[in-house]
Amino acid sequence: LKDQGEMSLPEAYVFETGRNQWRTFGSWPPSGIDETSLYLRE
């Protein structure tokens, strides 16, 4: 809006709950995800 400063924000600025910290990623969903399943068991 004011043509001031530099645009250095990442693609995704996301708060990680549980650990309670901000994380930055080059994409969302982030790269490097291991897709898996949790199975309902006896």
PDB file of all heavy atoms in Angstrom:
ATOM      1  N   LEU A   1       0.805  -1.220   0.000  1.00  0.00           N
ATOM      2  CA  LEU A   1       0.000   0.000   0.000  1.00  0.00           C
ATOM      3  C   LEU A   1       0.840   1.273   0.000  1.00  0.00           C
ATOM      4  O   LEU A   1       0.390   2.314  -0.487  1.00  0.00           O
ATOM      5  CB  LEU A   1      -0.950   0.017   1.199  1.00  0.00           C
ATOM      6  CG  LEU A   1      -1.989  -1.111   1.267  1.00  0.00           C
ATOM      7  CD1 LEU A   1      -2.900  -0.903   2.464  1.00  0.00           C
ATOM      8  CD2 LEU A   1      -2.799  -1.199  -0.018  1.00  0.00           C
ATOM      9  N   LYS A   2       2.053   1.208   0.577  1.00  0.00           N
ATOM     10  CA  LYS A   2       2.866   2.413   0.702  1.00  0.00           C
ATOM     11  C   LYS A   2       4.182   2.340  -0.064  1.00  0.00           C
ATOM     12  O   LYS A   2       4.976   3.285  -0.023  1.00  0.00           O
ATOM     13  CB  LYS A   2       3.159   2.689   2.186  1.00  0.00           C
ATOM     14  CG  LYS A   2       1.908   2.971   3.007  1.00  0.00           C
ATOM     15  CD  LYS A   2       2.278   3.316   4.447  1.00  0.00           C
ATOM     16  CE  LYS A   2       1.035   3.652   5.267  1.00  0.00           C
ATOM     17  NZ  LYS A   2       1.390   4.010   6.667  1.00  0.00           N
ATOM     18  N   ASP A   3       4.420   1.192  -0.737  1.00  0.00           N
ATOM     19  CA  ASP A   3       5.669   1.015  -1.491  1.00  0.00           C
ATOM     20  C   ASP A   3       6.895   1.231  -0.613  1.00  0.00           C
ATOM     21  O   ASP A   3       7.897   1.816  -1.033  1.00  0.00           O
ATOM     22  CB  ASP A   3       5.715   1.963  -2.693  1.00  0.00           C
ATOM     23  CG  ASP A   3       4.628   1.653  -3.704  1.00  0.00           C
ATOM     24  OD1 ASP A   3       4.334   0.463  -3.906  1.00  0.00           O
ATOM     25  OD2 ASP A   3       4.069   2.609  -4.282  1.00  0.00           O
ATOM     26  N   GLN A   4       6.807   0.729   0.600  1.00  0.00           N
ATOM     27  CA  GLN A   4       7.909   0.866   1.541  1.00  0.00           C
ATOM     28  C   GLN A   4       8.391  -0.505   1.993  1.00  0.00           C
ATOM     29  O   GLN A   4       7.607  -1.447   2.103  1.00  0.00           O
ATOM     30  CB  GLN A   4       7.473   1.677   2.760  1.00  0.00           C
ATOM     31  CG  GLN A   4       7.086   3.108   2.442  1.00  0.00           C
ATOM     32  CD  GLN A   4       6.605   3.867   3.667  1.00  0.00           C
ATOM     33  OE1 GLN A   4       6.648   3.364   4.788  1.00  0.00           O
ATOM     34  NE2 GLN A   4       6.145   5.096   3.454  1.00  0.00           N
ATOM     35  N   GLY A   5       9.695  -0.599   2.263  1.00  0.00           N
ATOM     36  CA  GLY A   5      10.262  -1.840   2.759  1.00  0.00           C
ATOM     37  C   GLY A   5      10.412  -2.886   1.672  1.00  0.00           C
ATOM     38  O   GLY A   5      10.268  -2.614   0.475  1.00  0.00           O
ATOM     39  N   GLU A   6      10.707  -4.110   2.085  1.00  0.00           N
ATOM     40  CA  GLU A   6      10.863  -5.224   1.167  1.00  0.00           C
ATOM     41  C   GLU A   6       9.856  -6.324   1.522  1.00  0.00           C
ATOM     42  O   GLU A   6       9.453  -6.465   2.671  1.00  0.00           O
ATOM     43  CB  GLU A   6      12.286  -5.797   1.255  1.00  0.00           C
ATOM     44  CG  GLU A   6      13.375  -4.803   0.869  1.00  0.00           C
ATOM     45  CD  GLU A   6      14.752  -5.418   0.964  1.00  0.00           C
ATOM     46  OE1 GLU A   6      14.843  -6.595   1.398  1.00  0.00           O
ATOM     47  OE2 GLU A   6      15.731  -4.740   0.617  1.00  0.00           O
ATOM     48  N   MET A   7       9.464  -7.092   0.510  1.00  0.00           N
ATOM     49  CA  MET A   7       8.541  -8.188   0.752  1.00  0.00           C
ATOM     50  C   MET A   7       9.348  -9.463   0.973  1.00  0.00           C
ATOM     51  O   MET A   7       9.800 -10.111   0.037  1.00  0.00           O
ATOM     52  CB  MET A   7       7.577  -8.349  -0.429  1.00  0.00           C
ATOM     53  CG  MET A   7       6.559  -9.481  -0.258  1.00  0.00           C
ATOM     54  SD  MET A   7       5.825  -9.648   1.396  1.00  0.00           S
ATOM     55  CE  MET A   7       5.156  -8.011   1.675  1.00  0.00           C
ATOM     56  N   SER A   8       9.543  -9.785   2.250  1.00  0.00           N
ATOM     57  CA  SER A   8      10.345 -10.954   2.612  1.00  0.00           C
ATOM     58  C   SER A   8       9.509 -12.036   3.290  1.00  0.00           C
ATOM     59  O   SER A   8      10.052 -12.984   3.848  1.00  0.00           O
ATOM     60  CB  SER A   8      11.491 -10.536   3.541  1.00  0.00           C
ATOM     61  OG  SER A   8      10.992  -9.893   4.704  1.00  0.00           O
ATOM     62  N   LEU A   9       8.155 -11.884   3.257  1.00  0.00           N
ATOM     63  CA  LEU A   9       7.303 -12.880   3.893  1.00  0.00           C
ATOM     64  C   LEU A   9       7.328 -14.185   3.109  1.00  0.00           C
ATOM     65  O   LEU A   9       7.389 -14.183   1.876  1.00  0.00           O
ATOM     66  CB  LEU A   9       5.867 -12.367   3.980  1.00  0.00           C
ATOM     67  CG  LEU A   9       5.626 -11.188   4.910  1.00  0.00           C
ATOM     68  CD1 LEU A   9       4.182 -10.707   4.795  1.00  0.00           C
ATOM     69  CD2 LEU A   9       5.938 -11.552   6.364  1.00  0.00           C
ATOM     70  N   PRO A  10       7.278 -15.307   3.810  1.00  0.00           N
ATOM     71  CA  PRO A  10       7.270 -16.610   3.134  1.00  0.00           C
ATOM     72  C   PRO A  10       5.898 -16.901   2.527  1.00  0.00           C
ATOM     73  O   PRO A  10       4.922 -16.189   2.789  1.00  0.00           O
ATOM     74  CB  PRO A  10       7.593 -17.586   4.264  1.00  0.00           C
ATOM     75  CG  PRO A  10       7.007 -16.934   5.466  1.00  0.00           C
ATOM     76  CD  PRO A  10       7.216 -15.448   5.272  1.00  0.00           C
ATOM     77  N   GLU A  11       5.819 -17.966   1.751  1.00  0.00           N
ATOM     78  CA  GLU A  11       4.542 -18.389   1.175  1.00  0.00           C
ATOM     79  C   GLU A  11       3.530 -18.751   2.249  1.00  0.00           C
ATOM     80  O   GLU A  11       2.347 -18.428   2.148  1.00  0.00           O
ATOM     81  CB  GLU A  11       4.774 -19.593   0.254  1.00  0.00           C
ATOM     82  CG  GLU A  11       3.522 -20.191  -0.341  1.00  0.00           C
ATOM     83  CD  GLU A  11       3.070 -19.520  -1.617  1.00  0.00           C
ATOM     84  OE1 GLU A  11       3.758 -18.579  -2.072  1.00  0.00           O
ATOM     85  OE2 GLU A  11       2.041 -19.928  -2.166  1.00  0.00           O
ATOM     86  N   ALA A  12       3.991 -19.429   3.300  1.00  0.00           N
ATOM     87  CA  ALA A  12       3.096 -19.846   4.376  1.00  0.00           C
ATOM     88  C   ALA A  12       3.724 -19.509   5.718  1.00  0.00           C
ATOM     89  O   ALA A  12       4.848 -19.931   6.008  1.00  0.00           O
ATOM     90  CB  ALA A  12       2.794 -21.337   4.284  1.00  0.00           C
ATOM     91  N   TYR A  13       3.005 -18.722   6.523  1.00  0.00           N
ATOM     92  CA  TYR A  13       3.427 -18.354   7.872  1.00  0.00           C
ATOM     93  C   TYR A  13       2.395 -18.991   8.804  1.00  0.00           C
ATOM     94  O   TYR A  13       1.266 -18.515   8.914  1.00  0.00           O
ATOM     95  CB  TYR A  13       3.430 -16.839   8.023  1.00  0.00           C
ATOM     96  CG  TYR A  13       4.563 -16.270   8.847  1.00  0.00           C
ATOM     97  CD1 TYR A  13       5.287 -15.162   8.406  1.00  0.00           C
ATOM     98  CD2 TYR A  13       4.909 -16.829  10.077  1.00  0.00           C
ATOM     99  CE1 TYR A  13       6.319 -14.629   9.152  1.00  0.00           C
ATOM    100  CE2 TYR A  13       5.942 -16.299  10.837  1.00  0.00           C
ATOM    101  CZ  TYR A  13       6.641 -15.199  10.362  1.00  0.00           C
ATOM    102  OH  TYR A  13       7.673 -14.679  11.117  1.00  0.00           O
ATOM    103  N   VAL A  14       2.756 -20.084   9.458  1.00  0.00           N
ATOM    104  CA  VAL A  14       1.769 -20.946  10.107  1.00  0.00           C
ATOM    105  C   VAL A  14       2.177 -21.217  11.550  1.00  0.00           C
ATOM    106  O   VAL A  14       3.342 -21.533  11.823  1.00  0.00           O
ATOM    107  CB  VAL A  14       1.627 -22.271   9.333  1.00  0.00           C
ATOM    108  CG1 VAL A  14       0.546 -23.142   9.952  1.00  0.00           C
ATOM    109  CG2 VAL A  14       1.310 -22.001   7.869  1.00  0.00           C
ATOM    110  N   PHE A  15       1.214 -21.125  12.465  1.00  0.00           N
ATOM    111  CA  PHE A  15       1.492 -21.395  13.868  1.00  0.00           C
ATOM    112  C   PHE A  15       1.334 -22.884  14.140  1.00  0.00           C
ATOM    113  O   PHE A  15       0.330 -23.494  13.776  1.00  0.00           O
ATOM    114  CB  PHE A  15       0.557 -20.606  14.781  1.00  0.00           C
ATOM    115  CG  PHE A  15       0.961 -20.626  16.232  1.00  0.00           C
ATOM    116  CD1 PHE A  15       1.932 -19.765  16.711  1.00  0.00           C
ATOM    117  CD2 PHE A  15       0.370 -21.510  17.122  1.00  0.00           C
ATOM    118  CE1 PHE A  15       2.315 -19.770  18.046  1.00  0.00           C
ATOM    119  CE2 PHE A  15       0.730 -21.530  18.461  1.00  0.00           C
ATOM    120  CZ  PHE A  15       1.717 -20.654  18.923  1.00  0.00           C
ATOM    121  N   GLU A  16       2.342 -23.454  14.757  1.00  0.00           N
ATOM    122  CA  GLU A  16       2.333 -24.872  15.105  1.00  0.00           C
ATOM    123  C   GLU A  16       1.817 -25.035  16.530  1.00  0.00           C
ATOM    124  O   GLU A  16       2.505 -24.689  17.503  1.00  0.00           O
ATOM    125  CB  GLU A  16       3.749 -25.436  14.984  1.00  0.00           C
ATOM    126  CG  GLU A  16       3.883 -26.890  15.353  1.00  0.00           C
ATOM    127  CD  GLU A  16       5.327 -27.346  15.314  1.00  0.00           C
ATOM    128  OE1 GLU A  16       6.162 -26.681  14.654  1.00  0.00           O
ATOM    129  OE2 GLU A  16       5.632 -28.367  15.967  1.00  0.00           O
ATOM    130  N   THR A  17       0.588 -25.513  16.655  1.00  0.00           N
ATOM    131  CA  THR A  17       0.039 -25.767  17.975  1.00  0.00           C
ATOM    132  C   THR A  17       0.681 -27.020  18.562  1.00  0.00           C
ATOM    133  O   THR A  17       1.270 -27.829  17.865  1.00  0.00           O
ATOM    134  CB  THR A  17      -1.488 -25.932  17.898  1.00  0.00           C
ATOM    135  OG1 THR A  17      -1.813 -26.946  16.938  1.00  0.00           O
ATOM    136  CG2 THR A  17      -2.143 -24.629  17.478  1.00  0.00           C
ATOM    137  N   GLY A  18       0.556 -27.171  19.854  1.00  0.00           N
ATOM    138  CA  GLY A  18       1.226 -28.285  20.526  1.00  0.00           C
ATOM    139  C   GLY A  18       2.622 -27.921  20.962  1.00  0.00           C
ATOM    140  O   GLY A  18       2.986 -28.063  22.133  1.00  0.00           O
ATOM    141  N   ARG A  19       3.427 -27.406  20.027  1.00  0.00           N
ATOM    142  CA  ARG A  19       4.748 -26.894  20.371  1.00  0.00           C
ATOM    143  C   ARG A  19       4.716 -25.385  20.570  1.00  0.00           C
ATOM    144  O   ARG A  19       5.642 -24.811  21.129  1.00  0.00           O
ATOM    145  CB  ARG A  19       5.767 -27.265  19.291  1.00  0.00           C
ATOM    146  CG  ARG A  19       7.214 -27.051  19.761  1.00  0.00           C
ATOM    147  CD  ARG A  19       8.229 -27.309  18.664  1.00  0.00           C
ATOM    148  NE  ARG A  19       8.467 -28.733  18.473  1.00  0.00           N
ATOM    149  CZ  ARG A  19       8.410 -29.358  17.302  1.00  0.00           C
ATOM    150  NH1 ARG A  19       8.073 -28.681  16.220  1.00  0.00           N
ATOM    151  NH2 ARG A  19       8.677 -30.632  17.202  1.00  0.00           N
ATOM    152  N   ASN A  20       3.662 -24.742  20.076  1.00  0.00           N
ATOM    153  CA  ASN A  20       3.436 -23.307  20.262  1.00  0.00           C
ATOM    154  C   ASN A  20       4.577 -22.456  19.716  1.00  0.00           C
ATOM    155  O   ASN A  20       5.255 -21.733  20.444  1.00  0.00           O
ATOM    156  CB  ASN A  20       3.186 -22.987  21.740  1.00  0.00           C
ATOM    157  CG  ASN A  20       1.854 -23.497  22.227  1.00  0.00           C
ATOM    158  OD1 ASN A  20       0.965 -23.777  21.431  1.00  0.00           O
ATOM    159  ND2 ASN A  20       1.708 -23.633  23.533  1.00  0.00           N
ATOM    160  N   GLN A  21       4.735 -22.535  18.396  1.00  0.00           N
ATOM    161  CA  GLN A  21       5.745 -21.712  17.738  1.00  0.00           C
ATOM    162  C   GLN A  21       5.301 -21.422  16.303  1.00  0.00           C
ATOM    163  O   GLN A  21       4.551 -22.182  15.703  1.00  0.00           O
ATOM    164  CB  GLN A  21       7.107 -22.409  17.722  1.00  0.00           C
ATOM    165  CG  GLN A  21       7.143 -23.694  16.910  1.00  0.00           C
ATOM    166  CD  GLN A  21       8.505 -24.345  16.877  1.00  0.00           C
ATOM    167  OE1 GLN A  21       9.408 -23.950  17.615  1.00  0.00           O
ATOM    168  NE2 GLN A  21       8.678 -25.330  16.020  1.00  0.00           N
ATOM    169  N   TRP A  22       5.775 -20.291  15.770  1.00  0.00           N
ATOM    170  CA  TRP A  22       5.525 -19.960  14.374  1.00  0.00           C
ATOM    171  C   TRP A  22       6.476 -20.747  13.481  1.00  0.00           C
ATOM    172  O   TRP A  22       7.651 -20.920  13.810  1.00  0.00           O
ATOM    173  CB  TRP A  22       5.705 -18.466  14.133  1.00  0.00           C
ATOM    174  CG  TRP A  22       4.581 -17.625  14.667  1.00  0.00           C
ATOM    175  CD1 TRP A  22       4.553 -16.925  15.837  1.00  0.00           C
ATOM    176  CD2 TRP A  22       3.317 -17.404  14.032  1.00  0.00           C
ATOM    177  NE1 TRP A  22       3.346 -16.280  15.986  1.00  0.00           N
ATOM    178  CE2 TRP A  22       2.565 -16.549  14.892  1.00  0.00           C
ATOM    179  CE3 TRP A  22       2.736 -17.832  12.835  1.00  0.00           C
ATOM    180  CZ2 TRP A  22       1.282 -16.133  14.573  1.00  0.00           C
ATOM    181  CZ3 TRP A  22       1.449 -17.417  12.523  1.00  0.00           C
ATOM    182  CH2 TRP A  22       0.740 -16.574  13.389  1.00  0.00           C
ATOM    183  N   ARG A  23       5.955 -21.209  12.346  1.00  0.00           N
ATOM    184  CA  ARG A  23       6.765 -21.903  11.351  1.00  0.00           C
ATOM    185  C   ARG A  23       6.577 -21.219  10.000  1.00  0.00           C
ATOM    186  O   ARG A  23       5.507 -20.670   9.709  1.00  0.00           O
ATOM    187  CB  ARG A  23       6.341 -23.371  11.230  1.00  0.00           C
ATOM    188  CG  ARG A  23       6.488 -24.205  12.493  1.00  0.00           C
ATOM    189  CD  ARG A  23       7.936 -24.604  12.752  1.00  0.00           C
ATOM    190  NE  ARG A  23       8.488 -25.439  11.697  1.00  0.00           N
ATOM    191  CZ  ARG A  23       8.399 -26.776  11.661  1.00  0.00           C
ATOM    192  NH1 ARG A  23       7.726 -27.431  12.608  1.00  0.00           N
ATOM    193  NH2 ARG A  23       8.972 -27.474  10.687  1.00  0.00           N
ATOM    194  N   THR A  24       7.607 -21.253   9.167  1.00  0.00           N
ATOM    195  CA  THR A  24       7.511 -20.705   7.822  1.00  0.00           C
ATOM    196  C   THR A  24       7.811 -21.813   6.814  1.00  0.00           C
ATOM    197  O   THR A  24       8.684 -22.653   7.036  1.00  0.00           O
ATOM    198  CB  THR A  24       8.486 -19.537   7.614  1.00  0.00           C
ATOM    199  OG1 THR A  24       9.832 -19.976   7.843  1.00  0.00           O
ATOM    200  CG2 THR A  24       8.165 -18.395   8.570  1.00  0.00           C
ATOM    201  N   PHE A  25       7.052 -21.792   5.704  1.00  0.00           N
ATOM    202  CA  PHE A  25       7.199 -22.817   4.676  1.00  0.00           C
ATOM    203  C   PHE A  25       7.149 -22.162   3.304  1.00  0.00           C
ATOM    204  O   PHE A  25       6.520 -21.117   3.113  1.00  0.00           O
ATOM    205  CB  PHE A  25       6.083 -23.859   4.772  1.00  0.00           C
ATOM    206  CG  PHE A  25       6.033 -24.584   6.090  1.00  0.00           C
ATOM    207  CD1 PHE A  25       5.114 -24.199   7.066  1.00  0.00           C
ATOM    208  CD2 PHE A  25       6.892 -25.633   6.360  1.00  0.00           C
ATOM    209  CE1 PHE A  25       5.056 -24.862   8.285  1.00  0.00           C
ATOM    210  CE2 PHE A  25       6.841 -26.300   7.577  1.00  0.00           C
ATOM    211  CZ  PHE A  25       5.924 -25.920   8.540  1.00  0.00           C
ATOM    212  N   GLY A  26       7.786 -22.816   2.341  1.00  0.00           N
ATOM    213  CA  GLY A  26       7.774 -22.321   0.965  1.00  0.00           C
ATOM    214  C   GLY A  26       6.521 -22.687   0.210  1.00  0.00           C
ATOM    215  O   GLY A  26       6.307 -22.225  -0.923  1.00  0.00           O
ATOM    216  N   SER A  27       5.664 -23.517   0.814  1.00  0.00           N
ATOM    217  CA  SER A  27       4.398 -23.915   0.197  1.00  0.00           C
ATOM    218  C   SER A  27       3.497 -24.457   1.289  1.00  0.00           C
ATOM    219  O   SER A  27       3.950 -24.775   2.392  1.00  0.00           O
ATOM    220  CB  SER A  27       4.629 -24.988  -0.871  1.00  0.00           C
ATOM    221  OG  SER A  27       5.160 -26.175  -0.284  1.00  0.00           O
ATOM    222  N   TRP A  28       2.215 -24.550   0.969  1.00  0.00           N
ATOM    223  CA  TRP A  28       1.278 -25.223   1.869  1.00  0.00           C
ATOM    224  C   TRP A  28       0.355 -26.108   1.046  1.00  0.00           C
ATOM    225  O   TRP A  28      -0.221 -25.648   0.082  1.00  0.00           O
ATOM    226  CB  TRP A  28       0.442 -24.232   2.683  1.00  0.00           C
ATOM    227  CG  TRP A  28      -0.369 -24.987   3.700  1.00  0.00           C
ATOM    228  CD1 TRP A  28      -1.674 -25.394   3.582  1.00  0.00           C
ATOM    229  CD2 TRP A  28       0.104 -25.483   4.954  1.00  0.00           C
ATOM    230  NE1 TRP A  28      -2.044 -26.113   4.692  1.00  0.00           N
ATOM    231  CE2 TRP A  28      -0.964 -26.187   5.553  1.00  0.00           C
ATOM    232  CE3 TRP A  28       1.323 -25.411   5.630  1.00  0.00           C
ATOM    233  CZ2 TRP A  28      -0.860 -26.803   6.784  1.00  0.00           C
ATOM    234  CZ3 TRP A  28       1.445 -26.013   6.855  1.00  0.00           C
ATOM    235  CH2 TRP A  28       0.369 -26.702   7.432  1.00  0.00           C
ATOM    236  N   PRO A  29       0.250 -27.397   1.417  1.00  0.00           N
ATOM    237  CA  PRO A  29       0.950 -28.061   2.522  1.00  0.00           C
ATOM    238  C   PRO A  29       2.462 -28.031   2.317  1.00  0.00           C
ATOM    239  O   PRO A  29       2.924 -27.948   1.184  1.00  0.00           O
ATOM    240  CB  PRO A  29       0.422 -29.493   2.478  1.00  0.00           C
ATOM    241  CG  PRO A  29      -0.847 -29.424   1.686  1.00  0.00           C
ATOM    242  CD  PRO A  29      -0.661 -28.315   0.712  1.00  0.00           C
ATOM    243  N   PRO A  30       3.231 -28.120   3.398  1.00  0.00           N
ATOM    244  CA  PRO A  30       4.683 -28.058   3.256  1.00  0.00           C
ATOM    245  C   PRO A  30       5.225 -29.279   2.531  1.00  0.00           C
ATOM    246  O   PRO A  30       4.622 -30.359   2.542  1.00  0.00           O
ATOM    247  CB  PRO A  30       5.184 -28.009   4.705  1.00  0.00           C
ATOM    248  CG  PRO A  30       4.071 -28.556   5.524  1.00  0.00           C
ATOM    249  CD  PRO A  30       2.809 -28.229   4.808  1.00  0.00           C
ATOM    250  N   SER A  31       6.359 -29.105   1.871  1.00  0.00           N
ATOM    251  CA  SER A  31       7.024 -30.237   1.237  1.00  0.00           C
ATOM    252  C   SER A  31       7.627 -31.132   2.317  1.00  0.00           C
ATOM    253  O   SER A  31       7.790 -30.728   3.468  1.00  0.00           O
ATOM    254  CB  SER A  31       8.116 -29.751   0.288  1.00  0.00           C
ATOM    255  OG  SER A  31       9.086 -28.995   0.992  1.00  0.00           O
ATOM    256  N   GLY A  32       7.925 -32.355   1.946  1.00  0.00           N
ATOM    257  CA  GLY A  32       8.551 -33.272   2.895  1.00  0.00           C
ATOM    258  C   GLY A  32       7.591 -33.938   3.834  1.00  0.00           C
ATOM    259  O   GLY A  32       7.979 -34.380   4.922  1.00  0.00           O
ATOM    260  N   ILE A  33       6.315 -34.034   3.446  1.00  0.00           N
ATOM    261  CA  ILE A  33       5.328 -34.708   4.280  1.00  0.00           C
ATOM    262  C   ILE A  33       5.334 -36.201   3.979  1.00  0.00           C
ATOM    263  O   ILE A  33       5.330 -36.616   2.815  1.00  0.00           O
ATOM    264  CB  ILE A  33       3.928 -34.116   4.062  1.00  0.00           C
ATOM    265  CG1 ILE A  33       3.819 -32.734   4.701  1.00  0.00           C
ATOM    266  CG2 ILE A  33       2.852 -35.025   4.623  1.00  0.00           C
ATOM    267  CD1 ILE A  33       2.462 -32.095   4.531  1.00  0.00           C
ATOM    268  N   ASP A  34       5.338 -36.989   5.016  1.00  0.00           N
ATOM    269  CA  ASP A  34       5.245 -38.438   4.909  1.00  0.00           C
ATOM    270  C   ASP A  34       3.778 -38.821   5.090  1.00  0.00           C
ATOM    271  O   ASP A  34       3.246 -38.775   6.192  1.00  0.00           O
ATOM    272  CB  ASP A  34       6.120 -39.102   5.977  1.00  0.00           C
ATOM    273  CG  ASP A  34       6.013 -40.615   5.963  1.00  0.00           C
ATOM    274  OD1 ASP A  34       5.527 -41.175   4.958  1.00  0.00           O
ATOM    275  OD2 ASP A  34       6.408 -41.246   6.967  1.00  0.00           O
ATOM    276  N   GLU A  35       3.115 -39.183   3.998  1.00  0.00           N
ATOM    277  CA  GLU A  35       1.697 -39.527   4.070  1.00  0.00           C
ATOM    278  C   GLU A  35       1.532 -40.931   4.658  1.00  0.00           C
ATOM    279  O   GLU A  35       2.160 -41.882   4.217  1.00  0.00           O
ATOM    280  CB  GLU A  35       1.061 -39.441   2.682  1.00  0.00           C
ATOM    281  CG  GLU A  35       1.052 -38.026   2.114  1.00  0.00           C
ATOM    282  CD  GLU A  35       0.343 -37.942   0.779  1.00  0.00           C
ATOM    283  OE1 GLU A  35      -0.102 -38.989   0.274  1.00  0.00           O
ATOM    284  OE2 GLU A  35       0.243 -36.825   0.250  1.00  0.00           O
ATOM    285  N   THR A  36       0.678 -41.027   5.662  1.00  0.00           N
ATOM    286  CA  THR A  36       0.506 -42.291   6.368  1.00  0.00           C
ATOM    287  C   THR A  36      -0.914 -42.376   6.919  1.00  0.00           C
ATOM    288  O   THR A  36      -1.742 -41.503   6.653  1.00  0.00           O
ATOM    289  CB  THR A  36       1.550 -42.428   7.497  1.00  0.00           C
ATOM    290  OG1 THR A  36       1.485 -43.725   8.071  1.00  0.00           O
ATOM    291  CG2 THR A  36       1.333 -41.376   8.574  1.00  0.00           C
ATOM    292  N   SER A  37      -1.201 -43.428   7.666  1.00  0.00           N
ATOM    293  CA  SER A  37      -2.529 -43.605   8.246  1.00  0.00           C
ATOM    294  C   SER A  37      -2.413 -44.074   9.680  1.00  0.00           C
ATOM    295  O   SER A  37      -1.504 -44.834  10.035  1.00  0.00           O
ATOM    296  CB  SER A  37      -3.343 -44.639   7.444  1.00  0.00           C
ATOM    297  OG  SER A  37      -3.732 -44.144   6.191  1.00  0.00           O
ATOM    298  N   LEU A  38      -3.357 -43.618  10.493  1.00  0.00           N
ATOM    299  CA  LEU A  38      -3.575 -44.152  11.826  1.00  0.00           C
ATOM    300  C   LEU A  38      -4.817 -45.029  11.755  1.00  0.00           C
ATOM    301  O   LEU A  38      -5.893 -44.570  11.359  1.00  0.00           O
ATOM    302  CB  LEU A  38      -3.788 -43.024  12.837  1.00  0.00           C
ATOM    303  CG  LEU A  38      -2.553 -42.423  13.494  1.00  0.00           C
ATOM    304  CD1 LEU A  38      -2.931 -41.169  14.264  1.00  0.00           C
ATOM    305  CD2 LEU A  38      -1.879 -43.432  14.427  1.00  0.00           C
ATOM    306  N   TYR A  39      -4.670 -46.303  12.147  1.00  0.00           N
ATOM    307  CA  TYR A  39      -5.759 -47.266  12.028  1.00  0.00           C
ATOM    308  C   TYR A  39      -6.473 -47.441  13.364  1.00  0.00           C
ATOM    309  O   TYR A  39      -5.824 -47.519  14.424  1.00  0.00           O
ATOM    310  CB  TYR A  39      -5.221 -48.615  11.564  1.00  0.00           C
ATOM    311  CG  TYR A  39      -4.638 -48.594  10.174  1.00  0.00           C
ATOM    312  CD1 TYR A  39      -3.275 -48.316   9.987  1.00  0.00           C
ATOM    313  CD2 TYR A  39      -5.438 -48.846   9.062  1.00  0.00           C
ATOM    314  CE1 TYR A  39      -2.735 -48.293   8.707  1.00  0.00           C
ATOM    315  CE2 TYR A  39      -4.895 -48.830   7.784  1.00  0.00           C
ATOM    316  CZ  TYR A  39      -3.542 -48.556   7.612  1.00  0.00           C
ATOM    317  OH  TYR A  39      -2.998 -48.527   6.348  1.00  0.00           O
ATOM    318  N   LEU A  40      -7.799 -47.510  13.300  1.00  0.00           N
ATOM    319  CA  LEU A  40      -8.585 -47.838  14.482  1.00  0.00           C
ATOM    320  C   LEU A  40      -8.416 -49.327  14.746  1.00  0.00           C
ATOM    321  O   LEU A  40      -8.627 -50.158  13.870  1.00  0.00           O
ATOM    322  CB  LEU A  40     -10.056 -47.487  14.266  1.00  0.00           C
ATOM    323  CG  LEU A  40     -10.354 -46.082  13.719  1.00  0.00           C
ATOM    324  CD1 LEU A  40     -11.854 -45.824  13.720  1.00  0.00           C
ATOM    325  CD2 LEU A  40      -9.617 -45.004  14.496  1.00  0.00           C
ATOM    326  N   ARG A  41      -8.053 -49.655  16.002  1.00  0.00           N
ATOM    327  CA  ARG A  41      -7.703 -51.037  16.314  1.00  0.00           C
ATOM    328  C   ARG A  41      -8.541 -51.580  17.470  1.00  0.00           C
ATOM    329  O   ARG A  41      -9.306 -50.861  18.116  1.00  0.00           O
ATOM    330  CB  ARG A  41      -6.201 -51.125  16.655  1.00  0.00           C
ATOM    331  CG  ARG A  41      -5.263 -50.773  15.472  1.00  0.00           C
ATOM    332  CD  ARG A  41      -5.325 -51.829  14.388  1.00  0.00           C
ATOM    333  NE  ARG A  41      -4.961 -53.122  14.926  1.00  0.00           N
ATOM    334  CZ  ARG A  41      -3.696 -53.587  14.971  1.00  0.00           C
ATOM    335  NH1 ARG A  41      -2.715 -52.862  14.478  1.00  0.00           N
ATOM    336  NH2 ARG A  41      -3.433 -54.780  15.482  1.00  0.00           N
ATOM    337  N   GLU A  42      -8.352 -52.863  17.730  1.00  0.00           N
ATOM    338  CA  GLU A  42      -9.104 -53.542  18.770  1.00  0.00           C
ATOM    339  C   GLU A  42      -8.778 -52.959  20.142  1.00  0.00           C
ATOM    340  O   GLU A  42      -7.689 -52.422  20.360  1.00  0.00           O
ATOM    341  CB  GLU A  42      -8.809 -55.046  18.755  1.00  0.00           C
ATOM    342  CG  GLU A  42      -7.363 -55.399  19.073  1.00  0.00           C
ATOM    343  CD  GLU A  42      -6.405 -55.234  17.912  1.00  0.00           C
ATOM    344  OE1 GLU A  42      -6.849 -54.873  16.791  1.00  0.00           O
ATOM    345  OE2 GLU A  42      -5.189 -55.455  18.110  1.00  0.00           O
TER     346      GLU A  42
END
